[in-house]
Amino acid sequence: MIITIDGPAGAGKGTISAFVAQKYKLAYFDTGMVYRAVGLQMVLDGVDLSDTERATEIAKALTFPQMMTLAKHKDFRSDVGSHAASCVSVIPSVRKALLKMQQDFALQPVFADGTPANGVVYDGRDTGTVICPNADLKFYITAPVEIRAQRRCNDLIAAGIDTDYEKVLEQMKARDARDMGRASAPLTKPDGAVEIDTSLYPTEKNLQDVAKIIDKKFGF
């Protein structure tokens, strides 16, 4: 069972993906992690994020253990990591270098502890268009950028980080522009994907709707 869940930043992909993985006992691959790993490594190395050659070298050398180590860094999920990931993800040679790692996971999906899984849910921005275009089921999760920016602000405030809504909104609009305007694998709704606007209903209702669609698709 392969399920892809795509959409812009702050739309709720992570929440829905984690729910699906847990409920249906699937491996969970957050594809954004590979770009965060490359971007953060460049930041830690003091390399300009526009250095295509160095970004590609890091991407080609990236291993799963290295990615998991970088994931423990304080900036991996911060705005620093988000910005770095967005910048390197527009580089075609970086995307090409990381594509095989992501695609191969569907052939032998495993849980975090290394035990085999019977399927995988992919969370990202090109999982249903590039990584697994033949996935069994595809979702496209979205919400207005203003709401996504407010969610991000709320998360930062909850984490004790001072933030400014207008700044976060500006950054999110810029990220959307990069993700949707990149020459290689731009963010777009995959063919045949079920679109869900998470701003229309409470989270619990959205999760219930996703589960109903999956149950109907796979006959649960």
N, C-alpha and C. Protein backbone atom coordinates (compact mmCIF):
# COMPACT_ATOMS: atom_id res chain seq x y z
N MET A 1 0.84 -1.19 0.00
CA MET A 1 0.00 0.00 0.00
C MET A 1 0.88 1.24 0.00
N ILE A 2 0.76 2.04 -1.03
CA ILE A 2 1.54 3.27 -1.12
C ILE A 2 0.58 4.46 -1.19
N ILE A 3 0.70 5.38 -0.24
CA ILE A 3 -0.14 6.56 -0.19
C ILE A 3 0.75 7.79 -0.20
N THR A 4 0.45 8.75 -1.06
CA THR A 4 1.23 9.98 -1.11
C THR A 4 0.38 11.14 -0.61
N ILE A 5 1.01 12.04 0.12
CA ILE A 5 0.33 13.20 0.67
C ILE A 5 1.17 14.43 0.40
N ASP A 6 0.73 15.24 -0.57
CA ASP A 6 1.46 16.43 -0.97
C ASP A 6 0.72 17.70 -0.57
N GLY A 7 1.43 18.82 -0.65
CA GLY A 7 0.80 20.10 -0.36
C GLY A 7 1.82 21.13 0.10
N PRO A 8 1.42 22.39 0.19
CA PRO A 8 2.33 23.46 0.61
C PRO A 8 2.63 23.43 2.10
N ALA A 9 3.60 24.22 2.52
CA ALA A 9 3.99 24.30 3.93
C ALA A 9 2.84 24.76 4.80
N GLY A 10 2.70 24.11 5.95
CA GLY A 10 1.69 24.53 6.92
C GLY A 10 0.28 24.09 6.61
N ALA A 11 0.10 23.25 5.60
CA ALA A 11 -1.25 22.84 5.21
C ALA A 11 -1.80 21.74 6.12
N GLY A 12 -0.91 21.02 6.78
CA GLY A 12 -1.34 19.93 7.66
C GLY A 12 -0.94 18.55 7.17
N LYS A 13 -0.02 18.49 6.20
CA LYS A 13 0.42 17.21 5.66
C LYS A 13 0.99 16.30 6.74
N GLY A 14 1.83 16.88 7.60
CA GLY A 14 2.49 16.09 8.62
C GLY A 14 1.51 15.44 9.59
N THR A 15 0.52 16.21 10.01
CA THR A 15 -0.48 15.70 10.95
C THR A 15 -1.26 14.55 10.32
N ILE A 16 -1.68 14.75 9.07
CA ILE A 16 -2.45 13.72 8.38
C ILE A 16 -1.59 12.50 8.07
N SER A 17 -0.36 12.72 7.65
CA SER A 17 0.54 11.61 7.31
C SER A 17 0.83 10.75 8.54
N ALA A 18 1.10 11.39 9.66
CA ALA A 18 1.39 10.66 10.89
C ALA A 18 0.17 9.85 11.33
N PHE A 19 -1.01 10.43 11.18
CA PHE A 19 -2.25 9.74 11.52
C PHE A 19 -2.45 8.51 10.64
N VAL A 20 -2.25 8.67 9.35
CA VAL A 20 -2.42 7.56 8.41
C VAL A 20 -1.41 6.46 8.69
N ALA A 21 -0.16 6.84 8.93
CA ALA A 21 0.87 5.84 9.20
C ALA A 21 0.55 5.03 10.45
N GLN A 22 0.09 5.70 11.48
CA GLN A 22 -0.22 5.01 12.73
C GLN A 22 -1.47 4.14 12.61
N LYS A 23 -2.52 4.68 12.03
CA LYS A 23 -3.79 3.95 11.93
C LYS A 23 -3.68 2.71 11.07
N TYR A 24 -2.94 2.82 9.96
CA TYR A 24 -2.88 1.70 9.01
C TYR A 24 -1.55 0.94 9.09
N LYS A 25 -0.74 1.28 10.12
CA LYS A 25 0.52 0.58 10.36
C LYS A 25 1.43 0.60 9.13
N LEU A 26 1.65 1.80 8.62
CA LEU A 26 2.51 2.00 7.46
C LEU A 26 3.80 2.72 7.87
N ALA A 27 4.86 2.50 7.11
CA ALA A 27 6.08 3.27 7.32
C ALA A 27 5.80 4.71 6.92
N TYR A 28 6.51 5.64 7.51
CA TYR A 28 6.28 7.07 7.25
C TYR A 28 7.57 7.69 6.73
N PHE A 29 7.52 8.23 5.52
CA PHE A 29 8.70 8.89 4.93
C PHE A 29 8.36 10.35 4.68
N ASP A 30 8.95 11.21 5.50
CA ASP A 30 8.83 12.65 5.31
C ASP A 30 9.92 13.07 4.33
N THR A 31 9.56 13.23 3.07
CA THR A 31 10.57 13.50 2.04
C THR A 31 11.23 14.85 2.21
N GLY A 32 10.58 15.75 2.94
CA GLY A 32 11.20 17.04 3.18
C GLY A 32 12.47 16.92 4.01
N MET A 33 12.59 15.80 4.75
CA MET A 33 13.77 15.62 5.59
C MET A 33 15.05 15.56 4.78
N VAL A 34 15.00 14.98 3.61
CA VAL A 34 16.24 14.87 2.81
C VAL A 34 16.73 16.24 2.38
N TYR A 35 15.79 17.14 2.05
CA TYR A 35 16.18 18.49 1.65
C TYR A 35 16.60 19.32 2.85
N ARG A 36 15.94 19.10 3.99
CA ARG A 36 16.36 19.79 5.21
C ARG A 36 17.78 19.36 5.59
N ALA A 37 18.07 18.08 5.41
CA ALA A 37 19.39 17.57 5.75
C ALA A 37 20.47 18.21 4.89
N VAL A 38 20.22 18.27 3.60
CA VAL A 38 21.19 18.89 2.69
C VAL A 38 21.34 20.38 3.00
N GLY A 39 20.19 21.07 3.16
CA GLY A 39 20.24 22.50 3.42
C GLY A 39 20.92 22.82 4.74
N LEU A 40 20.58 22.08 5.79
CA LEU A 40 21.18 22.33 7.10
C LEU A 40 22.68 22.05 7.08
N GLN A 41 23.09 20.99 6.37
CA GLN A 41 24.51 20.70 6.28
C GLN A 41 25.26 21.86 5.63
N MET A 42 24.65 22.47 4.64
CA MET A 42 25.27 23.62 3.99
C MET A 42 25.38 24.80 4.96
N VAL A 43 24.33 25.01 5.73
CA VAL A 43 24.35 26.08 6.73
C VAL A 43 25.45 25.83 7.76
N LEU A 44 25.53 24.59 8.25
CA LEU A 44 26.54 24.24 9.25
C LEU A 44 27.96 24.36 8.68
N ASP A 45 28.08 24.10 7.38
CA ASP A 45 29.39 24.20 6.73
C ASP A 45 29.73 25.63 6.34
N GLY A 46 28.77 26.53 6.52
CA GLY A 46 29.01 27.93 6.14
C GLY A 46 29.02 28.15 4.65
N VAL A 47 28.30 27.29 3.92
CA VAL A 47 28.27 27.38 2.45
C VAL A 47 27.04 28.16 2.01
N ASP A 48 27.21 29.00 1.01
CA ASP A 48 26.08 29.76 0.47
C ASP A 48 25.06 28.80 -0.10
N LEU A 49 23.78 29.03 0.21
CA LEU A 49 22.72 28.12 -0.23
C LEU A 49 22.52 28.12 -1.74
N SER A 50 23.12 29.06 -2.43
CA SER A 50 23.02 29.09 -3.89
C SER A 50 24.16 28.35 -4.56
N ASP A 51 25.04 27.74 -3.76
CA ASP A 51 26.19 27.00 -4.30
C ASP A 51 25.69 25.64 -4.81
N THR A 52 25.32 25.60 -6.06
CA THR A 52 24.75 24.39 -6.66
C THR A 52 25.69 23.20 -6.60
N GLU A 53 26.95 23.43 -6.88
CA GLU A 53 27.92 22.33 -6.92
C GLU A 53 28.06 21.68 -5.55
N ARG A 54 28.20 22.49 -4.51
CA ARG A 54 28.37 21.93 -3.16
C ARG A 54 27.09 21.25 -2.68
N ALA A 55 25.95 21.84 -3.00
CA ALA A 55 24.68 21.24 -2.60
C ALA A 55 24.53 19.86 -3.22
N THR A 56 24.91 19.73 -4.46
CA THR A 56 24.81 18.45 -5.17
C THR A 56 25.76 17.43 -4.56
N GLU A 57 26.97 17.86 -4.19
CA GLU A 57 27.94 16.95 -3.56
C GLU A 57 27.38 16.40 -2.25
N ILE A 58 26.78 17.28 -1.46
CA ILE A 58 26.22 16.87 -0.17
C ILE A 58 25.06 15.90 -0.40
N ALA A 59 24.22 16.20 -1.39
CA ALA A 59 23.06 15.34 -1.68
C ALA A 59 23.50 13.95 -2.11
N LYS A 60 24.51 13.87 -2.94
CA LYS A 60 24.99 12.57 -3.43
C LYS A 60 25.60 11.73 -2.31
N ALA A 61 26.18 12.40 -1.32
CA ALA A 61 26.85 11.69 -0.23
C ALA A 61 25.93 11.40 0.95
N LEU A 62 24.72 11.95 0.94
CA LEU A 62 23.81 11.82 2.07
C LEU A 62 23.40 10.37 2.31
N THR A 63 23.47 9.94 3.56
CA THR A 63 23.03 8.60 3.95
C THR A 63 21.89 8.75 4.94
N PHE A 64 21.12 7.67 5.10
CA PHE A 64 19.99 7.71 6.03
C PHE A 64 20.46 8.00 7.46
N PRO A 65 21.52 7.34 7.95
CA PRO A 65 22.00 7.63 9.30
C PRO A 65 22.42 9.09 9.47
N GLN A 66 23.09 9.65 8.44
CA GLN A 66 23.50 11.05 8.51
C GLN A 66 22.28 11.96 8.60
N MET A 67 21.25 11.64 7.82
CA MET A 67 20.02 12.43 7.84
C MET A 67 19.38 12.39 9.22
N MET A 68 19.35 11.22 9.84
CA MET A 68 18.74 11.09 11.16
C MET A 68 19.54 11.83 12.22
N THR A 69 20.85 11.90 12.04
CA THR A 69 21.69 12.66 12.98
C THR A 69 21.41 14.15 12.84
N LEU A 70 21.33 14.63 11.62
CA LEU A 70 21.03 16.05 11.38
C LEU A 70 19.64 16.41 11.88
N ALA A 71 18.72 15.43 11.85
CA ALA A 71 17.35 15.68 12.29
C ALA A 71 17.28 16.02 13.78
N LYS A 72 18.31 15.71 14.53
CA LYS A 72 18.34 16.00 15.96
C LYS A 72 18.84 17.42 16.24
N HIS A 73 19.34 18.09 15.22
CA HIS A 73 19.87 19.44 15.40
C HIS A 73 18.73 20.42 15.66
N LYS A 74 18.97 21.41 16.50
CA LYS A 74 17.93 22.36 16.89
C LYS A 74 17.35 23.14 15.72
N ASP A 75 18.12 23.31 14.66
CA ASP A 75 17.64 24.10 13.52
C ASP A 75 17.01 23.25 12.41
N PHE A 76 16.98 21.93 12.61
CA PHE A 76 16.45 21.07 11.55
C PHE A 76 15.00 21.41 11.21
N ARG A 77 14.17 21.66 12.24
CA ARG A 77 12.76 21.97 12.03
C ARG A 77 12.46 23.46 12.21
N SER A 78 13.48 24.27 12.42
CA SER A 78 13.28 25.69 12.62
C SER A 78 13.12 26.39 11.28
N ASP A 79 12.89 27.71 11.32
CA ASP A 79 12.81 28.49 10.08
C ASP A 79 14.11 28.44 9.30
N VAL A 80 15.22 28.27 10.03
CA VAL A 80 16.53 28.16 9.36
C VAL A 80 16.55 26.92 8.48
N GLY A 81 16.11 25.81 9.04
CA GLY A 81 16.07 24.57 8.28
C GLY A 81 15.06 24.61 7.15
N SER A 82 13.91 25.24 7.42
CA SER A 82 12.87 25.34 6.39
C SER A 82 13.34 26.17 5.21
N HIS A 83 13.98 27.29 5.51
CA HIS A 83 14.47 28.16 4.43
C HIS A 83 15.57 27.46 3.63
N ALA A 84 16.46 26.80 4.33
CA ALA A 84 17.56 26.10 3.64
C ALA A 84 17.02 24.99 2.74
N ALA A 85 16.03 24.24 3.26
CA ALA A 85 15.44 23.16 2.48
C ALA A 85 14.77 23.69 1.22
N SER A 86 14.04 24.79 1.37
CA SER A 86 13.35 25.37 0.23
C SER A 86 14.33 25.84 -0.84
N CYS A 87 15.46 26.37 -0.40
CA CYS A 87 16.46 26.88 -1.35
C CYS A 87 17.13 25.75 -2.13
N VAL A 88 17.55 24.69 -1.45
CA VAL A 88 18.26 23.61 -2.15
C VAL A 88 17.31 22.73 -2.95
N SER A 89 16.03 22.72 -2.57
CA SER A 89 15.08 21.84 -3.26
C SER A 89 14.77 22.31 -4.67
N VAL A 90 15.13 23.55 -5.02
CA VAL A 90 14.87 24.04 -6.37
C VAL A 90 16.02 23.68 -7.31
N ILE A 91 17.09 23.09 -6.79
CA ILE A 91 18.25 22.74 -7.60
C ILE A 91 18.02 21.38 -8.26
N PRO A 92 17.89 21.31 -9.58
CA PRO A 92 17.59 20.04 -10.27
C PRO A 92 18.57 18.92 -9.94
N SER A 93 19.86 19.23 -9.86
CA SER A 93 20.85 18.17 -9.61
C SER A 93 20.72 17.61 -8.20
N VAL A 94 20.25 18.43 -7.25
CA VAL A 94 20.03 17.96 -5.89
C VAL A 94 18.82 17.02 -5.87
N ARG A 95 17.76 17.42 -6.54
CA ARG A 95 16.55 16.59 -6.59
C ARG A 95 16.86 15.25 -7.25
N LYS A 96 17.66 15.27 -8.30
CA LYS A 96 18.01 14.04 -9.00
C LYS A 96 18.82 13.12 -8.08
N ALA A 97 19.75 13.70 -7.33
CA ALA A 97 20.61 12.90 -6.46
C ALA A 97 19.82 12.24 -5.34
N LEU A 98 18.77 12.90 -4.88
CA LEU A 98 17.99 12.38 -3.75
C LEU A 98 16.80 11.52 -4.18
N LEU A 99 16.46 11.55 -5.45
CA LEU A 99 15.27 10.86 -5.93
C LEU A 99 15.33 9.35 -5.71
N LYS A 100 16.45 8.73 -6.03
CA LYS A 100 16.54 7.26 -5.93
C LYS A 100 16.35 6.80 -4.49
N MET A 101 16.93 7.51 -3.53
CA MET A 101 16.79 7.14 -2.13
C MET A 101 15.31 7.11 -1.74
N GLN A 102 14.58 8.10 -2.20
CA GLN A 102 13.17 8.21 -1.86
C GLN A 102 12.33 7.14 -2.56
N GLN A 103 12.63 6.89 -3.83
CA GLN A 103 11.87 5.89 -4.58
C GLN A 103 12.14 4.47 -4.08
N ASP A 104 13.39 4.19 -3.73
CA ASP A 104 13.76 2.85 -3.28
C ASP A 104 13.05 2.48 -1.99
N PHE A 105 12.71 3.47 -1.19
CA PHE A 105 12.06 3.19 0.09
C PHE A 105 10.73 2.47 -0.12
N ALA A 106 10.03 2.77 -1.20
CA ALA A 106 8.73 2.15 -1.47
C ALA A 106 8.89 0.66 -1.80
N LEU A 107 10.07 0.27 -2.28
CA LEU A 107 10.32 -1.12 -2.63
C LEU A 107 10.50 -1.99 -1.39
N GLN A 108 11.11 -1.42 -0.35
CA GLN A 108 11.34 -2.14 0.89
C GLN A 108 11.11 -1.20 2.08
N PRO A 109 9.87 -0.82 2.31
CA PRO A 109 9.59 0.13 3.40
C PRO A 109 9.85 -0.49 4.77
N VAL A 110 10.40 0.30 5.66
CA VAL A 110 10.67 -0.16 7.01
C VAL A 110 10.25 0.91 8.02
N PHE A 111 9.97 0.46 9.24
CA PHE A 111 9.67 1.40 10.31
C PHE A 111 10.96 2.00 10.83
N ALA A 112 10.84 2.94 11.75
CA ALA A 112 12.01 3.64 12.28
C ALA A 112 13.01 2.68 12.93
N ASP A 113 12.51 1.56 13.47
CA ASP A 113 13.40 0.60 14.13
C ASP A 113 13.99 -0.41 13.16
N GLY A 114 13.67 -0.26 11.86
CA GLY A 114 14.24 -1.14 10.85
C GLY A 114 13.42 -2.36 10.50
N THR A 115 12.32 -2.59 11.19
CA THR A 115 11.47 -3.75 10.88
C THR A 115 10.65 -3.47 9.62
N PRO A 116 10.40 -4.51 8.82
CA PRO A 116 9.67 -4.33 7.55
C PRO A 116 8.23 -3.84 7.76
N ALA A 117 7.76 -3.05 6.81
CA ALA A 117 6.38 -2.55 6.83
C ALA A 117 5.67 -3.03 5.57
N ASN A 118 4.35 -3.08 5.64
CA ASN A 118 3.57 -3.55 4.49
C ASN A 118 3.20 -2.43 3.52
N GLY A 119 3.70 -1.24 3.79
CA GLY A 119 3.42 -0.12 2.90
C GLY A 119 4.01 1.15 3.47
N VAL A 120 3.80 2.24 2.76
CA VAL A 120 4.40 3.51 3.17
C VAL A 120 3.48 4.68 2.84
N VAL A 121 3.51 5.68 3.70
CA VAL A 121 2.85 6.94 3.40
C VAL A 121 3.96 7.98 3.21
N TYR A 122 3.94 8.63 2.06
CA TYR A 122 4.93 9.65 1.74
C TYR A 122 4.34 11.03 2.02
N ASP A 123 5.11 11.88 2.67
CA ASP A 123 4.71 13.24 3.00
C ASP A 123 5.69 14.19 2.31
N GLY A 124 5.17 15.04 1.41
CA GLY A 124 6.09 15.94 0.73
C GLY A 124 5.44 16.89 -0.24
N ARG A 125 6.19 17.24 -1.29
CA ARG A 125 5.71 18.20 -2.27
C ARG A 125 5.72 17.67 -3.70
N ASP A 126 6.34 16.49 -3.89
CA ASP A 126 6.33 15.90 -5.24
C ASP A 126 6.20 14.38 -5.14
N THR A 127 5.63 13.90 -4.05
CA THR A 127 5.57 12.45 -3.85
C THR A 127 4.59 11.77 -4.81
N GLY A 128 3.50 12.46 -5.13
CA GLY A 128 2.51 11.88 -6.03
C GLY A 128 2.75 12.19 -7.49
N THR A 129 3.68 13.11 -7.75
CA THR A 129 3.96 13.49 -9.13
C THR A 129 5.28 12.91 -9.65
N VAL A 130 6.28 12.78 -8.76
CA VAL A 130 7.61 12.34 -9.18
C VAL A 130 8.06 11.07 -8.48
N ILE A 131 7.99 11.05 -7.16
CA ILE A 131 8.53 9.92 -6.40
C ILE A 131 7.71 8.66 -6.62
N CYS A 132 6.41 8.75 -6.45
CA CYS A 132 5.53 7.59 -6.65
C CYS A 132 4.30 7.98 -7.47
N PRO A 133 4.49 8.27 -8.75
CA PRO A 133 3.36 8.67 -9.59
C PRO A 133 2.31 7.57 -9.74
N ASN A 134 2.69 6.32 -9.44
CA ASN A 134 1.75 5.20 -9.54
C ASN A 134 1.26 4.75 -8.17
N ALA A 135 1.28 5.65 -7.21
CA ALA A 135 0.83 5.32 -5.86
C ALA A 135 -0.61 4.82 -5.88
N ASP A 136 -0.95 4.01 -4.90
CA ASP A 136 -2.31 3.46 -4.83
C ASP A 136 -3.34 4.54 -4.54
N LEU A 137 -2.94 5.55 -3.77
CA LEU A 137 -3.86 6.63 -3.41
C LEU A 137 -3.07 7.90 -3.17
N LYS A 138 -3.57 9.01 -3.70
CA LYS A 138 -2.88 10.29 -3.56
C LYS A 138 -3.80 11.33 -2.92
N PHE A 139 -3.20 12.15 -2.04
CA PHE A 139 -3.92 13.27 -1.44
C PHE A 139 -3.15 14.56 -1.72
N TYR A 140 -3.90 15.65 -1.85
CA TYR A 140 -3.28 16.97 -1.95
C TYR A 140 -3.91 17.82 -0.85
N ILE A 141 -3.10 18.18 0.16
CA ILE A 141 -3.57 18.91 1.33
C ILE A 141 -3.23 20.38 1.17
N THR A 142 -4.22 21.25 1.35
CA THR A 142 -3.97 22.67 1.14
C THR A 142 -4.75 23.51 2.15
N ALA A 143 -4.50 24.82 2.13
CA ALA A 143 -5.20 25.80 2.96
C ALA A 143 -4.70 27.18 2.51
N PRO A 144 -5.50 28.23 2.71
CA PRO A 144 -5.06 29.58 2.34
C PRO A 144 -3.75 29.93 3.04
N VAL A 145 -2.88 30.67 2.36
CA VAL A 145 -1.57 30.98 2.91
C VAL A 145 -1.66 31.76 4.21
N GLU A 146 -2.68 32.60 4.37
CA GLU A 146 -2.83 33.38 5.61
C GLU A 146 -3.06 32.46 6.81
N ILE A 147 -3.85 31.43 6.60
CA ILE A 147 -4.13 30.48 7.68
C ILE A 147 -2.89 29.64 7.97
N ARG A 148 -2.19 29.25 6.93
CA ARG A 148 -0.97 28.45 7.14
C ARG A 148 0.07 29.26 7.90
N ALA A 149 0.18 30.55 7.59
CA ALA A 149 1.14 31.41 8.29
C ALA A 149 0.76 31.56 9.75
N GLN A 150 -0.53 31.70 10.03
CA GLN A 150 -0.97 31.82 11.42
C GLN A 150 -0.69 30.55 12.20
N ARG A 151 -0.87 29.41 11.56
CA ARG A 151 -0.55 28.14 12.22
C ARG A 151 0.93 28.09 12.58
N ARG A 152 1.75 28.54 11.65
CA ARG A 152 3.19 28.54 11.90
C ARG A 152 3.53 29.46 13.06
N CYS A 153 2.89 30.60 13.11
CA CYS A 153 3.12 31.53 14.22
C CYS A 153 2.72 30.89 15.54
N ASN A 154 1.58 30.23 15.55
CA ASN A 154 1.11 29.58 16.77
C ASN A 154 2.09 28.51 17.25
N ASP A 155 2.65 27.76 16.30
CA ASP A 155 3.61 26.73 16.65
C ASP A 155 4.87 27.35 17.26
N LEU A 156 5.33 28.44 16.68
CA LEU A 156 6.54 29.10 17.17
C LEU A 156 6.30 29.69 18.57
N ILE A 157 5.15 30.30 18.76
CA ILE A 157 4.81 30.87 20.06
C ILE A 157 4.73 29.78 21.11
N ALA A 158 4.11 28.65 20.73
CA ALA A 158 3.99 27.52 21.66
C ALA A 158 5.36 26.98 22.05
N ALA A 159 6.33 27.13 21.15
CA ALA A 159 7.69 26.67 21.41
C ALA A 159 8.52 27.71 22.14
N GLY A 160 7.87 28.85 22.47
CA GLY A 160 8.57 29.90 23.19
C GLY A 160 9.45 30.78 22.32
N ILE A 161 9.15 30.80 21.04
CA ILE A 161 9.96 31.59 20.09
C ILE A 161 9.19 32.85 19.69
N ASP A 162 9.83 33.99 19.86
CA ASP A 162 9.21 35.25 19.45
C ASP A 162 9.02 35.26 17.94
N THR A 163 7.88 35.74 17.50
CA THR A 163 7.62 35.72 16.06
C THR A 163 6.74 36.89 15.66
N ASP A 164 6.70 37.15 14.38
CA ASP A 164 5.89 38.23 13.84
C ASP A 164 5.08 37.67 12.67
N TYR A 165 3.76 37.80 12.75
CA TYR A 165 2.89 37.21 11.73
C TYR A 165 3.23 37.69 10.33
N GLU A 166 3.41 39.00 10.15
CA GLU A 166 3.66 39.54 8.82
C GLU A 166 4.95 38.99 8.23
N LYS A 167 5.95 38.80 9.08
CA LYS A 167 7.22 38.24 8.61
C LYS A 167 7.04 36.79 8.19
N VAL A 168 6.31 36.02 9.03
CA VAL A 168 6.08 34.62 8.71
C VAL A 168 5.26 34.50 7.43
N LEU A 169 4.26 35.36 7.27
CA LEU A 169 3.43 35.34 6.06
C LEU A 169 4.27 35.63 4.82
N GLU A 170 5.15 36.61 4.93
CA GLU A 170 6.02 36.96 3.80
C GLU A 170 6.93 35.79 3.44
N GLN A 171 7.48 35.14 4.46
CA GLN A 171 8.38 34.00 4.22
C GLN A 171 7.62 32.84 3.58
N MET A 172 6.38 32.63 4.03
CA MET A 172 5.61 31.51 3.50
C MET A 172 5.21 31.76 2.05
N LYS A 173 4.87 32.99 1.73
CA LYS A 173 4.54 33.33 0.34
C LYS A 173 5.76 33.13 -0.55
N ALA A 174 6.93 33.50 -0.03
CA ALA A 174 8.16 33.34 -0.81
C ALA A 174 8.47 31.86 -1.01
N ARG A 175 8.22 31.08 0.03
CA ARG A 175 8.47 29.64 -0.08
C ARG A 175 7.50 29.00 -1.08
N ASP A 176 6.24 29.41 -1.04
CA ASP A 176 5.27 28.89 -2.00
C ASP A 176 5.72 29.19 -3.42
N ALA A 177 6.22 30.42 -3.62
CA ALA A 177 6.66 30.84 -4.96
C ALA A 177 7.83 29.98 -5.43
N ARG A 178 8.76 29.68 -4.52
CA ARG A 178 9.89 28.83 -4.89
C ARG A 178 9.43 27.41 -5.20
N ASP A 179 8.57 26.87 -4.32
CA ASP A 179 8.12 25.49 -4.50
C ASP A 179 7.29 25.30 -5.76
N MET A 180 6.43 26.27 -6.04
CA MET A 180 5.54 26.15 -7.20
C MET A 180 6.18 26.61 -8.50
N GLY A 181 7.25 27.39 -8.37
CA GLY A 181 7.87 27.93 -9.57
C GLY A 181 9.16 27.28 -10.00
N ARG A 182 9.62 26.28 -9.23
CA ARG A 182 10.88 25.64 -9.59
C ARG A 182 10.74 24.89 -10.92
N ALA A 183 11.82 24.89 -11.68
CA ALA A 183 11.79 24.26 -12.99
C ALA A 183 11.65 22.75 -12.91
N SER A 184 12.24 22.17 -11.87
CA SER A 184 12.20 20.72 -11.71
C SER A 184 11.18 20.34 -10.64
N ALA A 185 10.20 19.54 -11.02
CA ALA A 185 9.18 19.02 -10.10
C ALA A 185 8.52 20.10 -9.26
N PRO A 186 7.86 21.06 -9.89
CA PRO A 186 7.18 22.10 -9.11
C PRO A 186 6.03 21.52 -8.30
N LEU A 187 5.73 22.17 -7.17
CA LEU A 187 4.61 21.74 -6.34
C LEU A 187 3.31 21.95 -7.11
N THR A 188 2.56 20.87 -7.29
CA THR A 188 1.29 20.94 -7.98
C THR A 188 0.43 19.77 -7.53
N LYS A 189 -0.85 19.86 -7.74
CA LYS A 189 -1.75 18.78 -7.36
C LYS A 189 -1.53 17.59 -8.30
N PRO A 190 -1.20 16.42 -7.76
CA PRO A 190 -0.96 15.25 -8.61
C PRO A 190 -2.24 14.82 -9.33
N ASP A 191 -2.10 14.25 -10.50
CA ASP A 191 -3.24 13.72 -11.23
C ASP A 191 -3.95 12.67 -10.38
N GLY A 192 -5.25 12.79 -10.27
CA GLY A 192 -6.03 11.82 -9.54
C GLY A 192 -6.02 11.98 -8.03
N ALA A 193 -5.35 13.01 -7.53
CA ALA A 193 -5.26 13.20 -6.08
C ALA A 193 -6.57 13.73 -5.49
N VAL A 194 -6.87 13.31 -4.28
CA VAL A 194 -8.02 13.83 -3.55
C VAL A 194 -7.57 15.10 -2.83
N GLU A 195 -8.22 16.22 -3.13
CA GLU A 195 -7.82 17.49 -2.51
C GLU A 195 -8.63 17.75 -1.25
N ILE A 196 -7.92 18.16 -0.19
CA ILE A 196 -8.57 18.47 1.08
C ILE A 196 -8.06 19.82 1.57
N ASP A 197 -8.98 20.77 1.76
CA ASP A 197 -8.65 22.08 2.32
C ASP A 197 -8.84 21.98 3.82
N THR A 198 -7.75 21.97 4.57
CA THR A 198 -7.83 21.74 6.01
C THR A 198 -8.37 22.94 6.78
N SER A 199 -8.60 24.04 6.09
CA SER A 199 -9.13 25.22 6.78
C SER A 199 -10.66 25.16 6.90
N LEU A 200 -11.28 24.24 6.20
CA LEU A 200 -12.74 24.18 6.16
C LEU A 200 -13.35 23.50 7.38
N TYR A 201 -12.60 22.55 7.96
CA TYR A 201 -13.15 21.79 9.09
C TYR A 201 -12.08 21.61 10.16
N PRO A 202 -12.48 21.25 11.38
CA PRO A 202 -11.51 20.97 12.45
C PRO A 202 -10.62 19.79 12.07
N THR A 203 -9.47 19.70 12.70
CA THR A 203 -8.51 18.64 12.40
C THR A 203 -9.12 17.25 12.50
N GLU A 204 -9.89 17.00 13.54
CA GLU A 204 -10.47 15.67 13.74
C GLU A 204 -11.38 15.28 12.59
N LYS A 205 -12.14 16.25 12.08
CA LYS A 205 -13.04 15.98 10.94
C LYS A 205 -12.21 15.67 9.70
N ASN A 206 -11.13 16.40 9.48
CA ASN A 206 -10.27 16.14 8.33
C ASN A 206 -9.66 14.74 8.40
N LEU A 207 -9.24 14.33 9.58
CA LEU A 207 -8.65 13.01 9.75
C LEU A 207 -9.69 11.92 9.50
N GLN A 208 -10.90 12.14 9.97
CA GLN A 208 -11.97 11.17 9.75
C GLN A 208 -12.29 11.05 8.26
N ASP A 209 -12.29 12.17 7.56
CA ASP A 209 -12.58 12.14 6.12
C ASP A 209 -11.50 11.38 5.35
N VAL A 210 -10.23 11.60 5.73
CA VAL A 210 -9.13 10.90 5.09
C VAL A 210 -9.26 9.39 5.33
N ALA A 211 -9.58 9.01 6.56
CA ALA A 211 -9.72 7.59 6.89
C ALA A 211 -10.86 6.95 6.09
N LYS A 212 -11.96 7.67 5.92
CA LYS A 212 -13.08 7.13 5.14
C LYS A 212 -12.68 6.88 3.69
N ILE A 213 -11.89 7.78 3.14
CA ILE A 213 -11.44 7.64 1.75
C ILE A 213 -10.52 6.43 1.62
N ILE A 214 -9.61 6.27 2.58
CA ILE A 214 -8.70 5.13 2.55
C ILE A 214 -9.45 3.82 2.74
N ASP A 215 -10.36 3.79 3.69
CA ASP A 215 -11.14 2.57 3.95
C ASP A 215 -11.91 2.14 2.71
N LYS A 216 -12.50 3.12 2.03
CA LYS A 216 -13.28 2.81 0.82
C LYS A 216 -12.37 2.32 -0.31
N LYS A 217 -11.22 2.94 -0.45
CA LYS A 217 -10.28 2.58 -1.51
C LYS A 217 -9.76 1.16 -1.34
N PHE A 218 -9.43 0.79 -0.11
CA PHE A 218 -8.79 -0.50 0.13
C PHE A 218 -9.73 -1.54 0.72
N GLY A 219 -11.01 -1.19 0.86
CA GLY A 219 -12.00 -2.14 1.31
C GLY A 219 -11.88 -2.53 2.78
N PHE A 220 -11.46 -1.60 3.62
CA PHE A 220 -11.34 -1.88 5.05
C PHE A 220 -12.70 -1.78 5.73
